[in-house]
All heavy atoms as atom14 arrays in JSON, in Angstrom:
{
  "sequence": "AYIYDEKVAHRAVFQNQRTRWIAAQWQFIKFYFWK",
  "atom14_mask": [
    [1, 1, 1, 1, 1, 0, 0, 0, 0, 0, 0, 0, 0, 0],
    [1, 1, 1, 1, 1, 1, 1, 1, 1, 1, 1, 1, 0, 0],
    [1, 1, 1, 1, 1, 1, 1, 1, 0, 0, 0, 0, 0, 0],
    [1, 1, 1, 1, 1, 1, 1, 1, 1, 1, 1, 1, 0, 0],
    [1, 1, 1, 1, 1, 1, 1, 1, 0, 0, 0, 0, 0, 0],
    [1, 1, 1, 1, 1, 1, 1, 1, 1, 0, 0, 0, 0, 0],
    [1, 1, 1, 1, 1, 1, 1, 1, 1, 0, 0, 0, 0, 0],
    [1, 1, 1, 1, 1, 1, 1, 0, 0, 0, 0, 0, 0, 0],
    [1, 1, 1, 1, 1, 0, 0, 0, 0, 0, 0, 0, 0, 0],
    [1, 1, 1, 1, 1, 1, 1, 1, 1, 1, 0, 0, 0, 0],
    [1, 1, 1, 1, 1, 1, 1, 1, 1, 1, 1, 0, 0, 0],
    [1, 1, 1, 1, 1, 0, 0, 0, 0, 0, 0, 0, 0, 0],
    [1, 1, 1, 1, 1, 1, 1, 0, 0, 0, 0, 0, 0, 0],
    [1, 1, 1, 1, 1, 1, 1, 1, 1, 1, 1, 0, 0, 0],
    [1, 1, 1, 1, 1, 1, 1, 1, 1, 0, 0, 0, 0, 0],
    [1, 1, 1, 1, 1, 1, 1, 1, 0, 0, 0, 0, 0, 0],
    [1, 1, 1, 1, 1, 1, 1, 1, 1, 0, 0, 0, 0, 0],
    [1, 1, 1, 1, 1, 1, 1, 1, 1, 1, 1, 0, 0, 0],
    [1, 1, 1, 1, 1, 1, 1, 0, 0, 0, 0, 0, 0, 0],
    [1, 1, 1, 1, 1, 1, 1, 1, 1, 1, 1, 0, 0, 0],
    [1, 1, 1, 1, 1, 1, 1, 1, 1, 1, 1, 1, 1, 1],
    [1, 1, 1, 1, 1, 1, 1, 1, 0, 0, 0, 0, 0, 0],
    [1, 1, 1, 1, 1, 0, 0, 0, 0, 0, 0, 0, 0, 0],
    [1, 1, 1, 1, 1, 0, 0, 0, 0, 0, 0, 0, 0, 0],
    [1, 1, 1, 1, 1, 1, 1, 1, 1, 0, 0, 0, 0, 0],
    [1, 1, 1, 1, 1, 1, 1, 1, 1, 1, 1, 1, 1, 1],
    [1, 1, 1, 1, 1, 1, 1, 1, 1, 0, 0, 0, 0, 0],
    [1, 1, 1, 1, 1, 1, 1, 1, 1, 1, 1, 0, 0, 0],
    [1, 1, 1, 1, 1, 1, 1, 1, 0, 0, 0, 0, 0, 0],
    [1, 1, 1, 1, 1, 1, 1, 1, 1, 0, 0, 0, 0, 0],
    [1, 1, 1, 1, 1, 1, 1, 1, 1, 1, 1, 0, 0, 0],
    [1, 1, 1, 1, 1, 1, 1, 1, 1, 1, 1, 1, 0, 0],
    [1, 1, 1, 1, 1, 1, 1, 1, 1, 1, 1, 0, 0, 0],
    [1, 1, 1, 1, 1, 1, 1, 1, 1, 1, 1, 1, 1, 1],
    [1, 1, 1, 1, 1, 1, 1, 1, 1, 0, 0, 0, 0, 0]
  ],
  "atom14_positions": [
    [[-75.07, -62.91, -130.99], [-74.15, -61.77, -131.07], [-74.75, -60.63, -130.24], [-75.54, -59.83, -130.71], [-73.96, -61.34, -132.52], [0.0, 0.0, 0.0], [0.0, 0.0, 0.0], [0.0, 0.0, 0.0], [0.0, 0.0, 0.0], [0.0, 0.0, 0.0], [0.0, 0.0, 0.0], [0.0, 0.0, 0.0], [0.0, 0.0, 0.0], [0.0, 0.0, 0.0]],
    [[-74.36, -60.59, -128.95], [-75.0, -59.66, -128.02], [-74.36, -58.27, -128.05], [-73.14, -58.12, -128.13], [-74.91, -60.2, -126.59], [-75.81, -61.39, -126.34], [-75.28, -62.68, -126.25], [-77.18, -61.23, -126.2], [-76.1, -63.78, -126.02], [-78.01, -62.32, -125.97], [-77.47, -63.59, -125.88], [-78.28, -64.66, -125.67], [0.0, 0.0, 0.0], [0.0, 0.0, 0.0]],
    [[-75.23, -57.27, -127.95], [-74.8, -55.9, -127.73], [-75.71, -55.32, -126.67], [-76.94, -55.45, -126.75], [-74.82, -55.07, -129.03], [-74.26, -53.66, -128.78], [-76.2, -55.02, -129.67], [-73.94, -52.89, -130.05], [0.0, 0.0, 0.0], [0.0, 0.0, 0.0], [0.0, 0.0, 0.0], [0.0, 0.0, 0.0], [0.0, 0.0, 0.0], [0.0, 0.0, 0.0]],
    [[-75.12, -54.73, -125.64], [-75.87, -54.32, -124.44], [-76.22, -52.83, -124.52], [-75.36, -51.99, -124.75], [-75.07, -54.64, -123.19], [-74.78, -56.12, -123.08], [-73.56, -56.65, -123.53], [-75.73, -57.0, -122.59], [-73.31, -58.01, -123.47], [-75.49, -58.37, -122.52], [-74.28, -58.86, -122.97], [-74.04, -60.21, -122.92], [0.0, 0.0, 0.0], [0.0, 0.0, 0.0]],
    [[-77.49, -52.55, -124.28], [-78.04, -51.21, -124.49], [-78.66, -50.69, -123.2], [-79.34, -51.44, -122.48], [-79.11, -51.29, -125.6], [-79.82, -49.97, -125.82], [-79.15, -49.01, -126.24], [-81.05, -49.91, -125.59], [0.0, 0.0, 0.0], [0.0, 0.0, 0.0], [0.0, 0.0, 0.0], [0.0, 0.0, 0.0], [0.0, 0.0, 0.0], [0.0, 0.0, 0.0]],
    [[-78.45, -49.43, -122.92], [-79.09, -48.82, -121.74], [-80.56, -48.56, -122.03], [-80.9, -47.81, -122.94], [-78.38, -47.51, -121.38], [-79.0, -46.83, -120.15], [-78.4, -45.46, -119.88], [-77.27, -45.21, -120.34], [-79.07, -44.64, -119.23], [0.0, 0.0, 0.0], [0.0, 0.0, 0.0], [0.0, 0.0, 0.0], [0.0, 0.0, 0.0], [0.0, 0.0, 0.0]],
    [[-81.45, -49.16, -121.25], [-82.87, -48.96, -121.43], [-83.31, -47.72, -120.66], [-82.7, -47.33, -119.65], [-83.68, -50.17, -120.95], [-83.21, -51.52, -121.47], [-82.82, -51.5, -122.94], [-84.0, -51.24, -123.86], [-83.57, -51.18, -125.29], [0.0, 0.0, 0.0], [0.0, 0.0, 0.0], [0.0, 0.0, 0.0], [0.0, 0.0, 0.0], [0.0, 0.0, 0.0]],
    [[-84.36, -47.08, -121.15], [-84.87, -45.88, -120.48], [-85.35, -46.26, -119.08], [-85.99, -47.29, -118.88], [-86.0, -45.21, -121.28], [-85.47, -44.71, -122.6], [-87.17, -46.16, -121.51], [0.0, 0.0, 0.0], [0.0, 0.0, 0.0], [0.0, 0.0, 0.0], [0.0, 0.0, 0.0], [0.0, 0.0, 0.0], [0.0, 0.0, 0.0], [0.0, 0.0, 0.0]],
    [[-85.02, -45.42, -118.11], [-85.31, -45.75, -116.72], [-86.48, -44.97, -116.15], [-86.97, -45.27, -115.06], [-84.07, -45.51, -115.86], [0.0, 0.0, 0.0], [0.0, 0.0, 0.0], [0.0, 0.0, 0.0], [0.0, 0.0, 0.0], [0.0, 0.0, 0.0], [0.0, 0.0, 0.0], [0.0, 0.0, 0.0], [0.0, 0.0, 0.0], [0.0, 0.0, 0.0]],
    [[-86.94, -43.95, -116.88], [-87.99, -43.08, -116.34], [-89.11, -42.88, -117.37], [-88.86, -42.88, -118.57], [-87.41, -41.74, -115.93], [-86.28, -41.86, -114.94], [-86.47, -42.22, -113.62], [-84.94, -41.71, -115.1], [-85.3, -42.27, -113.01], [-84.35, -41.97, -113.88], [0.0, 0.0, 0.0], [0.0, 0.0, 0.0], [0.0, 0.0, 0.0], [0.0, 0.0, 0.0]],
    [[-90.31, -42.68, -116.85], [-91.48, -42.59, -117.72], [-91.38, -41.42, -118.69], [-91.77, -41.54, -119.86], [-92.76, -42.46, -116.87], [-94.02, -42.6, -117.68], [-95.25, -42.51, -116.81], [-95.42, -41.18, -116.27], [-96.49, -40.78, -115.57], [-97.45, -41.65, -115.3], [-96.58, -39.56, -115.12], [0.0, 0.0, 0.0], [0.0, 0.0, 0.0], [0.0, 0.0, 0.0]],
    [[-90.88, -40.28, -118.25], [-90.79, -39.11, -119.13], [-89.88, -39.39, -120.32], [-90.18, -38.99, -121.45], [-90.27, -37.91, -118.34], [0.0, 0.0, 0.0], [0.0, 0.0, 0.0], [0.0, 0.0, 0.0], [0.0, 0.0, 0.0], [0.0, 0.0, 0.0], [0.0, 0.0, 0.0], [0.0, 0.0, 0.0], [0.0, 0.0, 0.0], [0.0, 0.0, 0.0]],
    [[-88.76, -40.08, -120.08], [-87.85, -40.42, -121.16], [-88.5, -41.44, -122.1], [-88.35, -41.38, -123.32], [-86.52, -40.95, -120.61], [-85.56, -41.29, -121.74], [-85.88, -39.92, -119.69], [0.0, 0.0, 0.0], [0.0, 0.0, 0.0], [0.0, 0.0, 0.0], [0.0, 0.0, 0.0], [0.0, 0.0, 0.0], [0.0, 0.0, 0.0], [0.0, 0.0, 0.0]],
    [[-89.21, -42.4, -121.51], [-89.95, -43.4, -122.29], [-90.93, -42.71, -123.23], [-91.01, -43.03, -124.42], [-90.7, -44.34, -121.34], [-91.63, -45.3, -122.02], [-91.19, -46.55, -122.42], [-92.96, -44.97, -122.25], [-92.05, -47.45, -123.05], [-93.83, -45.85, -122.87], [-93.37, -47.1, -123.27], [0.0, 0.0, 0.0], [0.0, 0.0, 0.0], [0.0, 0.0, 0.0]],
    [[-91.68, -41.75, -122.71], [-92.66, -41.04, -123.52], [-92.0, -40.26, -124.65], [-92.45, -40.27, -125.79], [-93.47, -40.09, -122.64], [-94.56, -39.32, -123.38], [-95.4, -38.48, -122.43], [-95.82, -38.96, -121.36], [-95.63, -37.23, -122.78], [0.0, 0.0, 0.0], [0.0, 0.0, 0.0], [0.0, 0.0, 0.0], [0.0, 0.0, 0.0], [0.0, 0.0, 0.0]],
    [[-90.88, -39.61, -124.34], [-90.14, -38.85, -125.34], [-89.62, -39.77, -126.45], [-89.74, -39.46, -127.65], [-88.98, -38.13, -124.66], [-88.21, -37.23, -125.61], [-88.69, -36.2, -126.03], [-86.99, -37.64, -125.95], [0.0, 0.0, 0.0], [0.0, 0.0, 0.0], [0.0, 0.0, 0.0], [0.0, 0.0, 0.0], [0.0, 0.0, 0.0], [0.0, 0.0, 0.0]],
    [[-89.09, -40.92, -126.05], [-88.55, -41.88, -127.02], [-89.64, -42.44, -127.91], [-89.49, -42.53, -129.13], [-87.84, -43.01, -126.28], [-87.15, -44.02, -127.18], [-86.62, -45.19, -126.38], [-87.39, -45.97, -125.82], [-85.3, -45.32, -126.32], [0.0, 0.0, 0.0], [0.0, 0.0, 0.0], [0.0, 0.0, 0.0], [0.0, 0.0, 0.0], [0.0, 0.0, 0.0]],
    [[-90.77, -42.8, -127.32], [-91.87, -43.36, -128.11], [-92.49, -42.31, -129.03], [-92.95, -42.65, -130.12], [-92.95, -43.93, -127.18], [-92.83, -45.43, -126.92], [-91.45, -45.87, -126.52], [-91.38, -47.32, -126.29], [-90.33, -47.93, -125.8], [-89.25, -47.24, -125.48], [-90.33, -49.24, -125.64], [0.0, 0.0, 0.0], [0.0, 0.0, 0.0], [0.0, 0.0, 0.0]],
    [[-92.49, -41.06, -128.62], [-92.97, -40.0, -129.51], [-92.14, -39.97, -130.79], [-92.67, -39.88, -131.89], [-92.89, -38.62, -128.81], [-93.72, -38.63, -127.64], [-93.34, -37.51, -129.74], [0.0, 0.0, 0.0], [0.0, 0.0, 0.0], [0.0, 0.0, 0.0], [0.0, 0.0, 0.0], [0.0, 0.0, 0.0], [0.0, 0.0, 0.0], [0.0, 0.0, 0.0]],
    [[-90.82, -40.07, -130.62], [-89.93, -40.08, -131.77], [-90.17, -41.3, -132.65], [-90.23, -41.21, -133.87], [-88.47, -40.06, -131.3], [-87.45, -39.93, -132.42], [-86.04, -39.89, -131.91], [-85.55, -41.22, -131.57], [-85.08, -41.58, -130.39], [-85.06, -40.7, -129.4], [-84.63, -42.8, -130.16], [0.0, 0.0, 0.0], [0.0, 0.0, 0.0], [0.0, 0.0, 0.0]],
    [[-90.34, -42.47, -132.03], [-90.54, -43.7, -132.79], [-91.86, -43.69, -133.56], [-91.92, -44.11, -134.72], [-90.5, -44.9, -131.85], [-89.14, -45.2, -131.29], [-87.98, -44.51, -131.54], [-88.79, -46.24, -130.38], [-86.95, -45.06, -130.85], [-87.4, -46.13, -130.12], [-89.52, -47.25, -129.76], [-86.73, -46.99, -129.27], [-88.86, -48.12, -128.9], [-87.48, -47.99, -128.67]],
    [[-92.93, -43.22, -132.91], [-94.24, -43.19, -133.57], [-94.21, -42.23, -134.75], [-94.74, -42.54, -135.83], [-95.34, -42.77, -132.57], [-95.49, -43.83, -131.47], [-96.68, -42.58, -133.29], [-96.33, -43.37, -130.3], [0.0, 0.0, 0.0], [0.0, 0.0, 0.0], [0.0, 0.0, 0.0], [0.0, 0.0, 0.0], [0.0, 0.0, 0.0], [0.0, 0.0, 0.0]],
    [[-93.59, -41.07, -134.56], [-93.49, -40.11, -135.65], [-92.7, -40.69, -136.82], [-93.07, -40.52, -137.99], [-92.84, -38.82, -135.15], [0.0, 0.0, 0.0], [0.0, 0.0, 0.0], [0.0, 0.0, 0.0], [0.0, 0.0, 0.0], [0.0, 0.0, 0.0], [0.0, 0.0, 0.0], [0.0, 0.0, 0.0], [0.0, 0.0, 0.0], [0.0, 0.0, 0.0]],
    [[-91.62, -41.39, -136.51], [-90.81, -42.0, -137.56], [-91.6, -43.07, -138.31], [-91.53, -43.17, -139.54], [-89.54, -42.6, -136.95], [0.0, 0.0, 0.0], [0.0, 0.0, 0.0], [0.0, 0.0, 0.0], [0.0, 0.0, 0.0], [0.0, 0.0, 0.0], [0.0, 0.0, 0.0], [0.0, 0.0, 0.0], [0.0, 0.0, 0.0], [0.0, 0.0, 0.0]],
    [[-92.39, -43.85, -137.56], [-93.19, -44.89, -138.21], [-94.24, -44.27, -139.12], [-94.49, -44.75, -140.23], [-93.87, -45.77, -137.16], [-94.66, -46.94, -137.76], [-95.14, -47.92, -136.7], [-94.86, -47.77, -135.52], [-95.89, -48.92, -137.12], [0.0, 0.0, 0.0], [0.0, 0.0, 0.0], [0.0, 0.0, 0.0], [0.0, 0.0, 0.0], [0.0, 0.0, 0.0]],
    [[-94.86, -43.18, -138.68], [-95.86, -42.49, -139.5], [-95.23, -41.94, -140.78], [-95.77, -42.07, -141.88], [-96.51, -41.38, -138.7], [-97.49, -40.57, -139.5], [-97.3, -39.31, -140.03], [-98.81, -40.96, -139.91], [-98.41, -38.9, -140.71], [-99.36, -39.88, -140.66], [-99.58, -42.1, -139.69], [-100.63, -39.93, -141.21], [-100.85, -42.15, -140.25], [-101.36, -41.08, -140.99]],
    [[-94.06, -41.31, -140.64], [-93.38, -40.78, -141.82], [-92.97, -41.9, -142.76], [-93.05, -41.76, -143.98], [-92.15, -39.97, -141.38], [-92.49, -38.66, -140.7], [-91.24, -37.94, -140.19], [-90.36, -38.54, -139.57], [-91.16, -36.65, -140.45], [0.0, 0.0, 0.0], [0.0, 0.0, 0.0], [0.0, 0.0, 0.0], [0.0, 0.0, 0.0], [0.0, 0.0, 0.0]],
    [[-92.53, -43.01, -142.19], [-92.13, -44.15, -143.01], [-93.31, -44.67, -143.83], [-93.19, -44.93, -145.02], [-91.57, -45.26, -142.12], [-91.18, -46.49, -142.88], [-89.93, -46.58, -143.47], [-92.06, -47.56, -143.02], [-89.57, -47.72, -144.18], [-91.71, -48.68, -143.73], [-90.46, -48.76, -144.31], [0.0, 0.0, 0.0], [0.0, 0.0, 0.0], [0.0, 0.0, 0.0]],
    [[-94.46, -44.83, -143.18], [-95.66, -45.31, -143.89], [-96.02, -44.36, -145.02], [-96.37, -44.78, -146.13], [-96.83, -45.46, -142.9], [-96.56, -46.6, -141.91], [-98.14, -45.71, -143.64], [-97.56, -46.69, -140.78], [0.0, 0.0, 0.0], [0.0, 0.0, 0.0], [0.0, 0.0, 0.0], [0.0, 0.0, 0.0], [0.0, 0.0, 0.0], [0.0, 0.0, 0.0]],
    [[-95.93, -43.07, -144.74], [-96.27, -42.05, -145.74], [-95.42, -42.19, -147.0], [-95.93, -42.07, -148.12], [-96.09, -40.66, -145.12], [-96.35, -39.5, -146.08], [-96.1, -38.18, -145.38], [-96.25, -37.0, -146.34], [-95.97, -35.71, -145.67], [0.0, 0.0, 0.0], [0.0, 0.0, 0.0], [0.0, 0.0, 0.0], [0.0, 0.0, 0.0], [0.0, 0.0, 0.0]],
    [[-94.14, -42.45, -146.82], [-93.24, -42.49, -147.98], [-93.12, -43.86, -148.63], [-92.81, -43.96, -149.81], [-91.84, -42.01, -147.55], [-91.73, -40.53, -147.37], [-91.67, -39.98, -146.11], [-91.7, -39.67, -148.46], [-91.57, -38.61, -145.93], [-91.6, -38.3, -148.3], [-91.54, -37.76, -147.02], [0.0, 0.0, 0.0], [0.0, 0.0, 0.0], [0.0, 0.0, 0.0]],
    [[-93.36, -44.96, -147.88], [-93.02, -46.28, -148.4], [-94.19, -47.25, -148.53], [-94.02, -48.31, -149.14], [-91.95, -46.93, -147.5], [-90.59, -46.29, -147.64], [-90.17, -45.31, -146.75], [-89.72, -46.66, -148.67], [-88.92, -44.72, -146.87], [-88.47, -46.08, -148.79], [-88.08, -45.11, -147.89], [-86.84, -44.53, -148.02], [0.0, 0.0, 0.0], [0.0, 0.0, 0.0]],
    [[-95.36, -46.93, -147.97], [-96.45, -47.9, -147.99], [-96.82, -48.33, -149.4], [-96.91, -49.52, -149.71], [-97.69, -47.33, -147.28], [-98.87, -48.26, -147.31], [-98.94, -49.35, -146.45], [-99.91, -48.06, -148.2], [-100.02, -50.22, -146.48], [-100.99, -48.92, -148.24], [-101.05, -50.0, -147.37], [0.0, 0.0, 0.0], [0.0, 0.0, 0.0], [0.0, 0.0, 0.0]],
    [[-97.04, -47.38, -150.3], [-97.46, -47.73, -151.65], [-96.34, -48.4, -152.44], [-96.6, -49.2, -153.35], [-97.98, -46.49, -152.39], [-99.27, -46.0, -151.8], [-99.48, -44.85, -151.1], [-100.53, -46.7, -151.82], [-100.79, -44.78, -150.69], [-101.46, -45.88, -151.11], [-100.96, -47.91, -152.35], [-102.78, -46.26, -150.93], [-102.28, -48.29, -152.17], [-103.18, -47.48, -151.48]],
    [[-95.11, -48.1, -152.06], [-93.99, -48.83, -152.68], [-94.05, -50.3, -152.28], [-93.78, -51.19, -153.09], [-92.66, -48.2, -152.25], [-91.46, -48.83, -152.95], [-90.17, -48.08, -152.6], [-90.13, -46.71, -153.25], [-88.8, -46.06, -153.09], [0.0, 0.0, 0.0], [0.0, 0.0, 0.0], [0.0, 0.0, 0.0], [0.0, 0.0, 0.0], [0.0, 0.0, 0.0]]
  ]
}
């Protein structure tokens, strides 16, 4: 079941996106790890 997504084309956008993902992962661990 394919869905086509626009991938980031530039390093600056890549860095911005990964910053958001890493922060979300850190917050997730903080709230859910012990659960």
